[in-house]
Amino acid sequence: KSLLDMYPGDARQLINLSHAQQLSGQTDLAKTTLKQASFIDSQLQSIIDAKATELFGSTDLTAADYAPPGNPLGLKKVLLIDSDDSTRASTRAIFEELGVTDLHEFLDGDTAWEAIDKEGEEPSLIVMEWRIPKLTGPLLMQRIRSKGFLRCPVVVQSSLVKPSDMSIVREMGVANIVQKPADRQSFLKTIIWTIQQ
């Protein structure tokens, strides 16, 4: 567990954690942890299947649906700011599969800023579109950082901002860029890398 705190989102650490959970009698939690490892890095599926067979005698992890989800990235509060319903829905599904329970969604910059300004606690992560209605991404970033929320990583999920623009948006406090439309694996890799940094 301590290694997972140091390397959040590391699928191999999750596989090891599932073994420890099974040894301590937490079978459903161990299955949930293995499901999250599979979700994070599908390339390790053969290793995950072998571990599931070793621990449970089967690769069937369906009982994990009833176990309380873990949160391998350690994200407490995540803000999702995007006016596109389908992007919000797919991003929400990814965070829910990761076990994030405190997820707040906003359709525009004004509503997001009102909630951020009112809240005293800094979020763990903000995922936002750069061109959002009312208060745009750059202005919202400026307000977030001027409020003193300096540790919270901000990931821009947009088709408008290119990786070549990274040096400019980094000066505004953006940690990373995800191109829209993003497939699940590349989105996860970006989020995990950002959290690890």
N, C-alpha and C. Protein backbone atom coordinates (compact mmCIF):
# COMPACT_ATOMS: atom_id res chain seq x y z
N LYS A 1 0.83 -1.20 0.00
CA LYS A 1 0.00 0.00 0.00
C LYS A 1 0.87 1.26 0.00
N SER A 2 1.96 1.22 0.74
CA SER A 2 2.86 2.38 0.78
C SER A 2 3.50 2.61 -0.58
N LEU A 3 3.86 1.52 -1.26
CA LEU A 3 4.42 1.67 -2.61
C LEU A 3 3.40 2.25 -3.56
N LEU A 4 2.13 1.89 -3.40
CA LEU A 4 1.08 2.43 -4.25
C LEU A 4 0.89 3.93 -3.99
N ASP A 5 1.09 4.35 -2.74
CA ASP A 5 1.04 5.78 -2.43
C ASP A 5 2.16 6.53 -3.15
N MET A 6 3.33 5.88 -3.24
CA MET A 6 4.47 6.51 -3.91
C MET A 6 4.33 6.47 -5.43
N TYR A 7 3.72 5.42 -5.95
CA TYR A 7 3.56 5.24 -7.40
C TYR A 7 2.09 5.01 -7.73
N PRO A 8 1.28 6.05 -7.63
CA PRO A 8 -0.16 5.87 -7.85
C PRO A 8 -0.45 5.38 -9.26
N GLY A 9 -1.43 4.49 -9.35
CA GLY A 9 -1.84 3.99 -10.65
C GLY A 9 -0.93 2.94 -11.24
N ASP A 10 0.00 2.40 -10.47
CA ASP A 10 0.91 1.38 -10.98
C ASP A 10 0.20 0.03 -10.92
N ALA A 11 -0.12 -0.53 -12.09
CA ALA A 11 -0.90 -1.77 -12.16
C ALA A 11 -0.18 -2.94 -11.49
N ARG A 12 1.14 -2.99 -11.59
CA ARG A 12 1.89 -4.09 -10.96
C ARG A 12 1.79 -4.02 -9.43
N GLN A 13 1.79 -2.81 -8.89
CA GLN A 13 1.61 -2.66 -7.45
C GLN A 13 0.21 -3.09 -7.03
N LEU A 14 -0.78 -2.80 -7.89
CA LEU A 14 -2.15 -3.23 -7.59
C LEU A 14 -2.25 -4.76 -7.56
N ILE A 15 -1.56 -5.41 -8.49
CA ILE A 15 -1.57 -6.88 -8.52
C ILE A 15 -0.98 -7.42 -7.22
N ASN A 16 0.13 -6.84 -6.77
CA ASN A 16 0.74 -7.26 -5.50
C ASN A 16 -0.17 -6.97 -4.31
N LEU A 17 -0.85 -5.81 -4.35
CA LEU A 17 -1.76 -5.45 -3.27
C LEU A 17 -2.92 -6.44 -3.20
N SER A 18 -3.42 -6.88 -4.35
CA SER A 18 -4.53 -7.84 -4.36
C SER A 18 -4.12 -9.14 -3.67
N HIS A 19 -2.88 -9.54 -3.87
CA HIS A 19 -2.38 -10.75 -3.22
C HIS A 19 -2.41 -10.57 -1.69
N ALA A 20 -1.92 -9.43 -1.23
CA ALA A 20 -1.92 -9.14 0.21
C ALA A 20 -3.35 -9.08 0.76
N GLN A 21 -4.26 -8.49 -0.01
CA GLN A 21 -5.65 -8.40 0.45
C GLN A 21 -6.27 -9.79 0.57
N GLN A 22 -5.98 -10.66 -0.40
CA GLN A 22 -6.51 -12.02 -0.35
C GLN A 22 -5.95 -12.77 0.86
N LEU A 23 -4.67 -12.61 1.13
CA LEU A 23 -4.04 -13.29 2.27
C LEU A 23 -4.65 -12.82 3.59
N SER A 24 -5.12 -11.56 3.63
CA SER A 24 -5.71 -11.05 4.87
C SER A 24 -7.22 -11.28 4.92
N GLY A 25 -7.74 -12.08 3.97
CA GLY A 25 -9.16 -12.44 4.01
C GLY A 25 -10.10 -11.45 3.34
N GLN A 26 -9.58 -10.48 2.62
CA GLN A 26 -10.42 -9.48 1.95
C GLN A 26 -10.61 -9.86 0.48
N THR A 27 -11.30 -10.96 0.25
CA THR A 27 -11.41 -11.53 -1.09
C THR A 27 -12.08 -10.57 -2.07
N ASP A 28 -13.21 -9.99 -1.70
CA ASP A 28 -13.91 -9.09 -2.63
C ASP A 28 -13.06 -7.86 -2.96
N LEU A 29 -12.38 -7.34 -1.95
CA LEU A 29 -11.51 -6.18 -2.18
C LEU A 29 -10.34 -6.57 -3.08
N ALA A 30 -9.81 -7.77 -2.90
CA ALA A 30 -8.71 -8.25 -3.75
C ALA A 30 -9.17 -8.35 -5.20
N LYS A 31 -10.39 -8.82 -5.41
CA LYS A 31 -10.93 -8.91 -6.77
C LYS A 31 -11.12 -7.52 -7.38
N THR A 32 -11.62 -6.60 -6.57
CA THR A 32 -11.78 -5.22 -7.05
C THR A 32 -10.44 -4.62 -7.46
N THR A 33 -9.41 -4.85 -6.65
CA THR A 33 -8.08 -4.34 -6.94
C THR A 33 -7.55 -4.92 -8.25
N LEU A 34 -7.76 -6.21 -8.48
CA LEU A 34 -7.33 -6.82 -9.73
C LEU A 34 -8.10 -6.25 -10.93
N LYS A 35 -9.39 -6.00 -10.73
CA LYS A 35 -10.18 -5.38 -11.81
C LYS A 35 -9.62 -4.00 -12.15
N GLN A 36 -9.21 -3.25 -11.12
CA GLN A 36 -8.65 -1.92 -11.37
C GLN A 36 -7.31 -2.02 -12.08
N ALA A 37 -6.51 -3.01 -11.73
CA ALA A 37 -5.23 -3.22 -12.42
C ALA A 37 -5.48 -3.49 -13.90
N SER A 38 -6.48 -4.31 -14.18
CA SER A 38 -6.83 -4.63 -15.57
C SER A 38 -7.32 -3.38 -16.29
N PHE A 39 -8.10 -2.56 -15.60
CA PHE A 39 -8.63 -1.33 -16.18
C PHE A 39 -7.50 -0.36 -16.50
N ILE A 40 -6.52 -0.26 -15.61
CA ILE A 40 -5.42 0.69 -15.78
C ILE A 40 -4.45 0.26 -16.87
N ASP A 41 -4.14 -1.04 -16.91
CA ASP A 41 -3.16 -1.50 -17.89
C ASP A 41 -3.59 -2.85 -18.46
N SER A 42 -4.36 -2.81 -19.53
CA SER A 42 -4.89 -4.03 -20.14
C SER A 42 -3.78 -4.91 -20.74
N GLN A 43 -2.59 -4.36 -20.94
CA GLN A 43 -1.48 -5.14 -21.48
C GLN A 43 -0.99 -6.19 -20.47
N LEU A 44 -1.34 -6.02 -19.22
CA LEU A 44 -0.94 -6.97 -18.18
C LEU A 44 -2.01 -8.04 -17.94
N GLN A 45 -2.98 -8.15 -18.86
CA GLN A 45 -4.12 -9.02 -18.63
C GLN A 45 -3.71 -10.48 -18.38
N SER A 46 -2.70 -10.98 -19.08
CA SER A 46 -2.29 -12.37 -18.86
C SER A 46 -1.73 -12.56 -17.45
N ILE A 47 -1.00 -11.57 -16.95
CA ILE A 47 -0.47 -11.63 -15.58
C ILE A 47 -1.62 -11.54 -14.57
N ILE A 48 -2.59 -10.67 -14.86
CA ILE A 48 -3.74 -10.51 -13.98
C ILE A 48 -4.57 -11.78 -13.94
N ASP A 49 -4.78 -12.40 -15.11
CA ASP A 49 -5.53 -13.66 -15.16
C ASP A 49 -4.81 -14.76 -14.37
N ALA A 50 -3.49 -14.81 -14.50
CA ALA A 50 -2.71 -15.82 -13.76
C ALA A 50 -2.83 -15.59 -12.25
N LYS A 51 -2.78 -14.32 -11.84
CA LYS A 51 -2.90 -14.00 -10.41
C LYS A 51 -4.30 -14.34 -9.91
N ALA A 52 -5.33 -14.05 -10.72
CA ALA A 52 -6.72 -14.36 -10.33
C ALA A 52 -6.90 -15.87 -10.18
N THR A 53 -6.32 -16.62 -11.09
CA THR A 53 -6.41 -18.08 -11.01
C THR A 53 -5.68 -18.59 -9.76
N GLU A 54 -4.51 -18.00 -9.48
CA GLU A 54 -3.75 -18.40 -8.30
C GLU A 54 -4.52 -18.10 -7.01
N LEU A 55 -5.12 -16.91 -6.94
CA LEU A 55 -5.78 -16.48 -5.70
C LEU A 55 -7.19 -17.03 -5.53
N PHE A 56 -7.94 -17.10 -6.65
CA PHE A 56 -9.37 -17.42 -6.55
C PHE A 56 -9.75 -18.69 -7.30
N GLY A 57 -8.80 -19.30 -8.02
CA GLY A 57 -9.10 -20.50 -8.77
C GLY A 57 -9.85 -20.23 -10.07
N SER A 58 -9.97 -18.96 -10.43
CA SER A 58 -10.72 -18.58 -11.64
C SER A 58 -10.32 -17.17 -12.04
N THR A 59 -10.52 -16.86 -13.33
CA THR A 59 -10.27 -15.49 -13.78
C THR A 59 -11.54 -14.64 -13.66
N ASP A 60 -12.64 -15.23 -13.18
CA ASP A 60 -13.91 -14.52 -13.03
C ASP A 60 -13.84 -13.59 -11.82
N LEU A 61 -13.93 -12.29 -12.09
CA LEU A 61 -13.84 -11.30 -11.00
C LEU A 61 -15.18 -10.62 -10.75
N THR A 62 -16.29 -11.26 -11.14
CA THR A 62 -17.60 -10.61 -11.04
C THR A 62 -18.01 -10.31 -9.61
N ALA A 63 -17.56 -11.08 -8.65
CA ALA A 63 -17.92 -10.80 -7.25
C ALA A 63 -17.39 -9.45 -6.82
N ALA A 64 -16.39 -8.95 -7.55
CA ALA A 64 -15.81 -7.65 -7.20
C ALA A 64 -16.81 -6.52 -7.39
N ASP A 65 -17.87 -6.75 -8.16
CA ASP A 65 -18.87 -5.70 -8.36
C ASP A 65 -19.52 -5.30 -7.04
N TYR A 66 -19.49 -6.19 -6.06
CA TYR A 66 -20.14 -5.91 -4.79
C TYR A 66 -19.18 -5.39 -3.72
N ALA A 67 -17.91 -5.38 -4.06
CA ALA A 67 -16.91 -4.90 -3.11
C ALA A 67 -16.81 -3.39 -3.18
N PRO A 68 -16.48 -2.75 -2.07
CA PRO A 68 -16.27 -1.30 -2.14
C PRO A 68 -15.07 -1.01 -3.03
N PRO A 69 -15.20 -0.08 -3.98
CA PRO A 69 -14.09 0.17 -4.89
C PRO A 69 -12.91 0.82 -4.18
N GLY A 70 -11.73 0.48 -4.64
CA GLY A 70 -10.54 1.14 -4.13
C GLY A 70 -10.34 2.44 -4.91
N ASN A 71 -9.25 3.10 -4.66
CA ASN A 71 -8.95 4.34 -5.35
C ASN A 71 -7.44 4.37 -5.56
N PRO A 72 -6.95 3.62 -6.58
CA PRO A 72 -5.51 3.45 -6.72
C PRO A 72 -4.74 4.74 -7.00
N LEU A 73 -5.41 5.78 -7.45
CA LEU A 73 -4.70 7.04 -7.69
C LEU A 73 -4.76 7.97 -6.48
N GLY A 74 -5.53 7.60 -5.47
CA GLY A 74 -5.62 8.42 -4.27
C GLY A 74 -6.31 9.75 -4.48
N LEU A 75 -7.18 9.83 -5.49
CA LEU A 75 -7.88 11.08 -5.79
C LEU A 75 -9.07 11.23 -4.85
N LYS A 76 -9.11 12.34 -4.14
CA LYS A 76 -10.21 12.58 -3.22
C LYS A 76 -11.33 13.35 -3.91
N LYS A 77 -11.00 14.51 -4.44
CA LYS A 77 -12.02 15.36 -5.07
C LYS A 77 -11.55 15.71 -6.47
N VAL A 78 -12.38 15.40 -7.47
CA VAL A 78 -12.06 15.68 -8.86
C VAL A 78 -13.12 16.60 -9.44
N LEU A 79 -12.68 17.66 -10.13
CA LEU A 79 -13.58 18.56 -10.83
C LEU A 79 -13.49 18.29 -12.32
N LEU A 80 -14.63 18.16 -12.96
CA LEU A 80 -14.72 17.92 -14.39
C LEU A 80 -15.50 19.08 -15.00
N ILE A 81 -14.82 19.86 -15.86
CA ILE A 81 -15.44 21.07 -16.42
C ILE A 81 -15.45 20.94 -17.94
N ASP A 82 -16.64 20.71 -18.49
CA ASP A 82 -16.78 20.55 -19.94
C ASP A 82 -18.25 20.68 -20.30
N SER A 83 -18.54 21.39 -21.38
CA SER A 83 -19.94 21.55 -21.80
C SER A 83 -20.41 20.39 -22.67
N ASP A 84 -19.51 19.53 -23.10
CA ASP A 84 -19.84 18.40 -23.95
C ASP A 84 -20.30 17.22 -23.09
N ASP A 85 -21.59 16.86 -23.23
CA ASP A 85 -22.18 15.80 -22.41
C ASP A 85 -21.48 14.45 -22.60
N SER A 86 -21.16 14.09 -23.85
CA SER A 86 -20.57 12.77 -24.09
C SER A 86 -19.16 12.68 -23.51
N THR A 87 -18.39 13.77 -23.60
CA THR A 87 -17.04 13.76 -23.00
C THR A 87 -17.13 13.64 -21.49
N ARG A 88 -18.05 14.38 -20.89
CA ARG A 88 -18.22 14.30 -19.44
C ARG A 88 -18.64 12.90 -19.02
N ALA A 89 -19.55 12.30 -19.77
CA ALA A 89 -20.03 10.95 -19.42
C ALA A 89 -18.90 9.92 -19.50
N SER A 90 -18.11 9.97 -20.57
CA SER A 90 -17.03 8.98 -20.70
C SER A 90 -15.94 9.22 -19.66
N THR A 91 -15.64 10.47 -19.36
CA THR A 91 -14.63 10.79 -18.34
C THR A 91 -15.13 10.38 -16.96
N ARG A 92 -16.41 10.65 -16.69
CA ARG A 92 -17.01 10.26 -15.41
C ARG A 92 -16.91 8.74 -15.23
N ALA A 93 -17.20 7.99 -16.29
CA ALA A 93 -17.15 6.52 -16.20
C ALA A 93 -15.75 6.04 -15.86
N ILE A 94 -14.74 6.66 -16.43
CA ILE A 94 -13.35 6.28 -16.13
C ILE A 94 -13.04 6.53 -14.66
N PHE A 95 -13.39 7.70 -14.16
CA PHE A 95 -13.10 8.01 -12.75
C PHE A 95 -13.90 7.12 -11.81
N GLU A 96 -15.13 6.79 -12.17
CA GLU A 96 -15.93 5.89 -11.32
C GLU A 96 -15.30 4.51 -11.28
N GLU A 97 -14.80 4.02 -12.41
CA GLU A 97 -14.13 2.72 -12.43
C GLU A 97 -12.84 2.75 -11.61
N LEU A 98 -12.24 3.93 -11.49
CA LEU A 98 -11.04 4.08 -10.67
C LEU A 98 -11.37 4.21 -9.18
N GLY A 99 -12.66 4.27 -8.85
CA GLY A 99 -13.06 4.35 -7.45
C GLY A 99 -13.16 5.76 -6.90
N VAL A 100 -13.17 6.77 -7.78
CA VAL A 100 -13.32 8.15 -7.33
C VAL A 100 -14.79 8.38 -7.01
N THR A 101 -15.08 8.75 -5.78
CA THR A 101 -16.47 8.93 -5.36
C THR A 101 -16.87 10.40 -5.26
N ASP A 102 -15.90 11.28 -5.16
CA ASP A 102 -16.20 12.71 -5.01
C ASP A 102 -15.87 13.43 -6.32
N LEU A 103 -16.79 13.35 -7.28
CA LEU A 103 -16.60 13.92 -8.61
C LEU A 103 -17.65 15.00 -8.84
N HIS A 104 -17.19 16.21 -9.16
CA HIS A 104 -18.10 17.33 -9.38
C HIS A 104 -18.01 17.77 -10.84
N GLU A 105 -19.17 17.90 -11.49
CA GLU A 105 -19.20 18.24 -12.91
C GLU A 105 -19.80 19.63 -13.11
N PHE A 106 -19.20 20.37 -14.06
CA PHE A 106 -19.66 21.72 -14.38
C PHE A 106 -19.71 21.89 -15.90
N LEU A 107 -20.71 22.64 -16.36
CA LEU A 107 -20.90 22.85 -17.79
C LEU A 107 -20.20 24.11 -18.30
N ASP A 108 -19.88 25.02 -17.40
CA ASP A 108 -19.26 26.28 -17.82
C ASP A 108 -18.29 26.78 -16.75
N GLY A 109 -17.48 27.76 -17.15
CA GLY A 109 -16.45 28.28 -16.27
C GLY A 109 -16.99 29.07 -15.09
N ASP A 110 -18.09 29.81 -15.29
CA ASP A 110 -18.67 30.61 -14.20
C ASP A 110 -19.14 29.73 -13.05
N THR A 111 -19.92 28.70 -13.37
CA THR A 111 -20.43 27.80 -12.34
C THR A 111 -19.28 27.09 -11.62
N ALA A 112 -18.30 26.66 -12.40
CA ALA A 112 -17.13 26.00 -11.81
C ALA A 112 -16.41 26.95 -10.87
N TRP A 113 -16.19 28.19 -11.29
CA TRP A 113 -15.47 29.14 -10.45
C TRP A 113 -16.23 29.43 -9.16
N GLU A 114 -17.56 29.58 -9.25
CA GLU A 114 -18.36 29.84 -8.04
C GLU A 114 -18.16 28.72 -7.02
N ALA A 115 -18.18 27.47 -7.50
CA ALA A 115 -17.99 26.32 -6.60
C ALA A 115 -16.57 26.28 -6.03
N ILE A 116 -15.59 26.55 -6.88
CA ILE A 116 -14.19 26.53 -6.44
C ILE A 116 -13.93 27.64 -5.43
N ASP A 117 -14.47 28.83 -5.72
CA ASP A 117 -14.25 29.99 -4.85
C ASP A 117 -14.90 29.79 -3.48
N LYS A 118 -16.07 29.14 -3.48
CA LYS A 118 -16.79 28.91 -2.24
C LYS A 118 -16.12 27.82 -1.39
N GLU A 119 -15.49 26.87 -2.07
CA GLU A 119 -14.89 25.71 -1.41
C GLU A 119 -13.53 26.08 -0.81
N GLY A 120 -13.29 25.64 0.40
CA GLY A 120 -12.01 25.92 1.03
C GLY A 120 -10.96 24.89 0.72
N GLU A 121 -11.42 23.68 0.36
CA GLU A 121 -10.48 22.57 0.15
C GLU A 121 -10.05 22.50 -1.32
N GLU A 122 -8.74 22.40 -1.52
CA GLU A 122 -8.20 22.29 -2.87
C GLU A 122 -8.52 20.91 -3.44
N PRO A 123 -9.01 20.86 -4.69
CA PRO A 123 -9.30 19.55 -5.29
C PRO A 123 -8.02 18.75 -5.54
N SER A 124 -8.18 17.43 -5.72
CA SER A 124 -7.03 16.57 -6.05
C SER A 124 -6.64 16.71 -7.51
N LEU A 125 -7.64 17.00 -8.37
CA LEU A 125 -7.41 17.05 -9.81
C LEU A 125 -8.54 17.83 -10.47
N ILE A 126 -8.18 18.61 -11.50
CA ILE A 126 -9.18 19.29 -12.33
C ILE A 126 -8.94 18.86 -13.77
N VAL A 127 -10.00 18.36 -14.41
CA VAL A 127 -9.95 18.02 -15.83
C VAL A 127 -10.93 18.97 -16.52
N MET A 128 -10.42 19.76 -17.47
CA MET A 128 -11.28 20.78 -18.07
C MET A 128 -11.04 20.96 -19.56
N GLU A 129 -12.08 21.39 -20.24
CA GLU A 129 -11.98 21.82 -21.63
C GLU A 129 -11.40 23.22 -21.62
N TRP A 130 -10.63 23.57 -22.63
CA TRP A 130 -10.00 24.89 -22.68
C TRP A 130 -11.01 25.96 -23.10
N ARG A 131 -11.86 25.60 -24.06
CA ARG A 131 -12.88 26.55 -24.52
C ARG A 131 -14.23 26.14 -23.93
N ILE A 132 -14.54 26.74 -22.78
CA ILE A 132 -15.80 26.47 -22.11
C ILE A 132 -16.63 27.74 -22.10
N PRO A 133 -17.96 27.61 -22.03
CA PRO A 133 -18.82 28.80 -22.04
C PRO A 133 -18.57 29.72 -20.84
N LYS A 134 -18.92 30.96 -21.03
CA LYS A 134 -18.86 32.02 -20.02
C LYS A 134 -17.42 32.35 -19.65
N LEU A 135 -16.90 31.77 -18.60
CA LEU A 135 -15.51 32.04 -18.19
C LEU A 135 -14.60 31.01 -18.86
N THR A 136 -13.75 31.45 -19.77
CA THR A 136 -12.94 30.52 -20.57
C THR A 136 -11.82 29.88 -19.74
N GLY A 137 -11.20 28.86 -20.33
CA GLY A 137 -10.14 28.12 -19.65
C GLY A 137 -9.01 28.96 -19.11
N PRO A 138 -8.40 29.85 -19.93
CA PRO A 138 -7.29 30.64 -19.42
C PRO A 138 -7.68 31.54 -18.23
N LEU A 139 -8.85 32.14 -18.30
CA LEU A 139 -9.29 33.00 -17.18
C LEU A 139 -9.59 32.18 -15.94
N LEU A 140 -10.21 31.02 -16.13
CA LEU A 140 -10.49 30.15 -14.99
C LEU A 140 -9.19 29.67 -14.35
N MET A 141 -8.21 29.32 -15.17
CA MET A 141 -6.90 28.90 -14.64
C MET A 141 -6.28 30.01 -13.80
N GLN A 142 -6.35 31.23 -14.32
CA GLN A 142 -5.78 32.37 -13.59
C GLN A 142 -6.45 32.54 -12.23
N ARG A 143 -7.77 32.40 -12.18
CA ARG A 143 -8.48 32.55 -10.91
C ARG A 143 -8.16 31.41 -9.94
N ILE A 144 -8.08 30.19 -10.47
CA ILE A 144 -7.77 29.03 -9.61
C ILE A 144 -6.40 29.21 -8.96
N ARG A 145 -5.41 29.60 -9.75
CA ARG A 145 -4.06 29.77 -9.20
C ARG A 145 -3.98 30.98 -8.28
N SER A 146 -4.70 32.06 -8.60
CA SER A 146 -4.66 33.25 -7.73
C SER A 146 -5.37 32.99 -6.41
N LYS A 147 -6.28 32.01 -6.37
CA LYS A 147 -6.94 31.64 -5.11
C LYS A 147 -5.97 30.92 -4.18
N GLY A 148 -4.84 30.48 -4.71
CA GLY A 148 -3.86 29.78 -3.89
C GLY A 148 -3.87 28.28 -4.09
N PHE A 149 -4.69 27.79 -5.02
CA PHE A 149 -4.72 26.37 -5.34
C PHE A 149 -3.58 26.08 -6.31
N LEU A 150 -2.39 25.89 -5.76
CA LEU A 150 -1.19 25.74 -6.58
C LEU A 150 -0.74 24.30 -6.73
N ARG A 151 -1.19 23.40 -5.83
CA ARG A 151 -0.74 22.01 -5.88
C ARG A 151 -1.64 21.14 -6.74
N CYS A 152 -2.86 21.58 -6.98
CA CYS A 152 -3.83 20.79 -7.73
C CYS A 152 -3.46 20.73 -9.21
N PRO A 153 -3.19 19.52 -9.75
CA PRO A 153 -2.89 19.44 -11.18
C PRO A 153 -4.13 19.70 -12.02
N VAL A 154 -3.94 20.41 -13.11
CA VAL A 154 -5.02 20.69 -14.06
C VAL A 154 -4.65 20.05 -15.39
N VAL A 155 -5.56 19.21 -15.90
CA VAL A 155 -5.37 18.56 -17.18
C VAL A 155 -6.40 19.14 -18.14
N VAL A 156 -5.93 19.66 -19.27
CA VAL A 156 -6.83 20.20 -20.29
C VAL A 156 -7.15 19.09 -21.27
N GLN A 157 -8.44 18.86 -21.45
CA GLN A 157 -8.93 17.85 -22.39
C GLN A 157 -9.61 18.60 -23.53
N SER A 158 -8.92 18.73 -24.68
CA SER A 158 -9.41 19.59 -25.74
C SER A 158 -8.86 19.18 -27.10
N SER A 159 -9.61 19.49 -28.14
CA SER A 159 -9.10 19.30 -29.50
C SER A 159 -8.47 20.59 -30.00
N LEU A 160 -8.64 21.67 -29.25
CA LEU A 160 -8.14 22.98 -29.66
C LEU A 160 -6.70 23.23 -29.24
N VAL A 161 -6.28 22.63 -28.14
CA VAL A 161 -4.93 22.84 -27.63
C VAL A 161 -4.08 21.65 -28.05
N LYS A 162 -3.02 21.91 -28.75
CA LYS A 162 -2.14 20.87 -29.27
C LYS A 162 -0.95 20.67 -28.34
N PRO A 163 -0.31 19.50 -28.40
CA PRO A 163 0.88 19.28 -27.58
C PRO A 163 1.97 20.33 -27.82
N SER A 164 2.01 20.90 -29.03
CA SER A 164 2.99 21.95 -29.31
C SER A 164 2.71 23.24 -28.51
N ASP A 165 1.48 23.38 -28.01
CA ASP A 165 1.11 24.55 -27.19
C ASP A 165 1.46 24.36 -25.72
N MET A 166 2.02 23.19 -25.37
CA MET A 166 2.24 22.84 -23.97
C MET A 166 3.07 23.86 -23.22
N SER A 167 4.11 24.41 -23.85
CA SER A 167 4.95 25.38 -23.14
C SER A 167 4.16 26.61 -22.75
N ILE A 168 3.23 27.03 -23.60
CA ILE A 168 2.42 28.22 -23.30
C ILE A 168 1.43 27.93 -22.18
N VAL A 169 0.69 26.80 -22.29
CA VAL A 169 -0.32 26.51 -21.27
C VAL A 169 0.32 26.10 -19.95
N ARG A 170 1.53 25.54 -19.99
CA ARG A 170 2.22 25.20 -18.75
C ARG A 170 2.50 26.46 -17.91
N GLU A 171 2.81 27.57 -18.60
CA GLU A 171 3.03 28.83 -17.89
C GLU A 171 1.77 29.31 -17.17
N MET A 172 0.61 28.88 -17.66
CA MET A 172 -0.66 29.23 -17.02
C MET A 172 -1.01 28.28 -15.88
N GLY A 173 -0.20 27.23 -15.69
CA GLY A 173 -0.45 26.30 -14.59
C GLY A 173 -1.07 24.98 -15.00
N VAL A 174 -1.12 24.70 -16.29
CA VAL A 174 -1.68 23.43 -16.76
C VAL A 174 -0.60 22.35 -16.68
N ALA A 175 -0.97 21.19 -16.13
CA ALA A 175 0.00 20.11 -15.96
C ALA A 175 0.14 19.25 -17.20
N ASN A 176 -0.97 19.07 -17.95
CA ASN A 176 -0.92 18.18 -19.10
C ASN A 176 -2.09 18.43 -20.03
N ILE A 177 -1.98 17.89 -21.26
CA ILE A 177 -3.02 18.04 -22.28
C ILE A 177 -3.43 16.65 -22.75
N VAL A 178 -4.74 16.45 -22.88
CA VAL A 178 -5.28 15.23 -23.48
C VAL A 178 -6.05 15.66 -24.72
N GLN A 179 -5.71 15.09 -25.87
CA GLN A 179 -6.39 15.43 -27.11
C GLN A 179 -7.76 14.76 -27.16
N LYS A 180 -8.76 15.53 -27.60
CA LYS A 180 -10.10 14.97 -27.84
C LYS A 180 -10.18 14.53 -29.28
N PRO A 181 -10.88 13.48 -29.58
CA PRO A 181 -11.42 12.50 -28.63
C PRO A 181 -10.29 11.59 -28.14
N ALA A 182 -10.30 11.32 -26.85
CA ALA A 182 -9.23 10.51 -26.25
C ALA A 182 -9.74 9.10 -25.99
N ASP A 183 -8.94 8.11 -26.33
CA ASP A 183 -9.31 6.75 -25.97
C ASP A 183 -8.99 6.56 -24.49
N ARG A 184 -9.62 5.58 -23.90
CA ARG A 184 -9.51 5.34 -22.46
C ARG A 184 -8.07 5.16 -22.02
N GLN A 185 -7.29 4.39 -22.78
CA GLN A 185 -5.93 4.06 -22.35
C GLN A 185 -5.02 5.29 -22.35
N SER A 186 -5.11 6.12 -23.40
CA SER A 186 -4.25 7.31 -23.43
C SER A 186 -4.68 8.32 -22.37
N PHE A 187 -5.99 8.43 -22.13
CA PHE A 187 -6.48 9.32 -21.07
C PHE A 187 -5.93 8.86 -19.72
N LEU A 188 -6.04 7.55 -19.45
CA LEU A 188 -5.55 7.01 -18.19
C LEU A 188 -4.06 7.24 -18.02
N LYS A 189 -3.29 6.98 -19.08
CA LYS A 189 -1.84 7.17 -18.99
C LYS A 189 -1.50 8.61 -18.66
N THR A 190 -2.20 9.55 -19.29
CA THR A 190 -1.95 10.97 -19.01
C THR A 190 -2.29 11.32 -17.57
N ILE A 191 -3.44 10.85 -17.09
CA ILE A 191 -3.86 11.15 -15.72
C ILE A 191 -2.87 10.53 -14.73
N ILE A 192 -2.50 9.27 -14.94
CA ILE A 192 -1.58 8.60 -14.02
C ILE A 192 -0.23 9.31 -14.02
N TRP A 193 0.30 9.64 -15.19
CA TRP A 193 1.57 10.34 -15.26
C TRP A 193 1.49 11.67 -14.52
N THR A 194 0.40 12.40 -14.72
CA THR A 194 0.22 13.71 -14.08
C THR A 194 0.19 13.56 -12.56
N ILE A 195 -0.56 12.58 -12.05
CA ILE A 195 -0.64 12.36 -10.61
C ILE A 195 0.74 11.96 -10.06
N GLN A 196 1.44 11.10 -10.78
CA GLN A 196 2.76 10.67 -10.31
C GLN A 196 3.74 11.83 -10.26
N GLN A 197 3.64 12.75 -11.21
CA GLN A 197 4.52 13.91 -11.18
C GLN A 197 4.22 14.79 -9.99
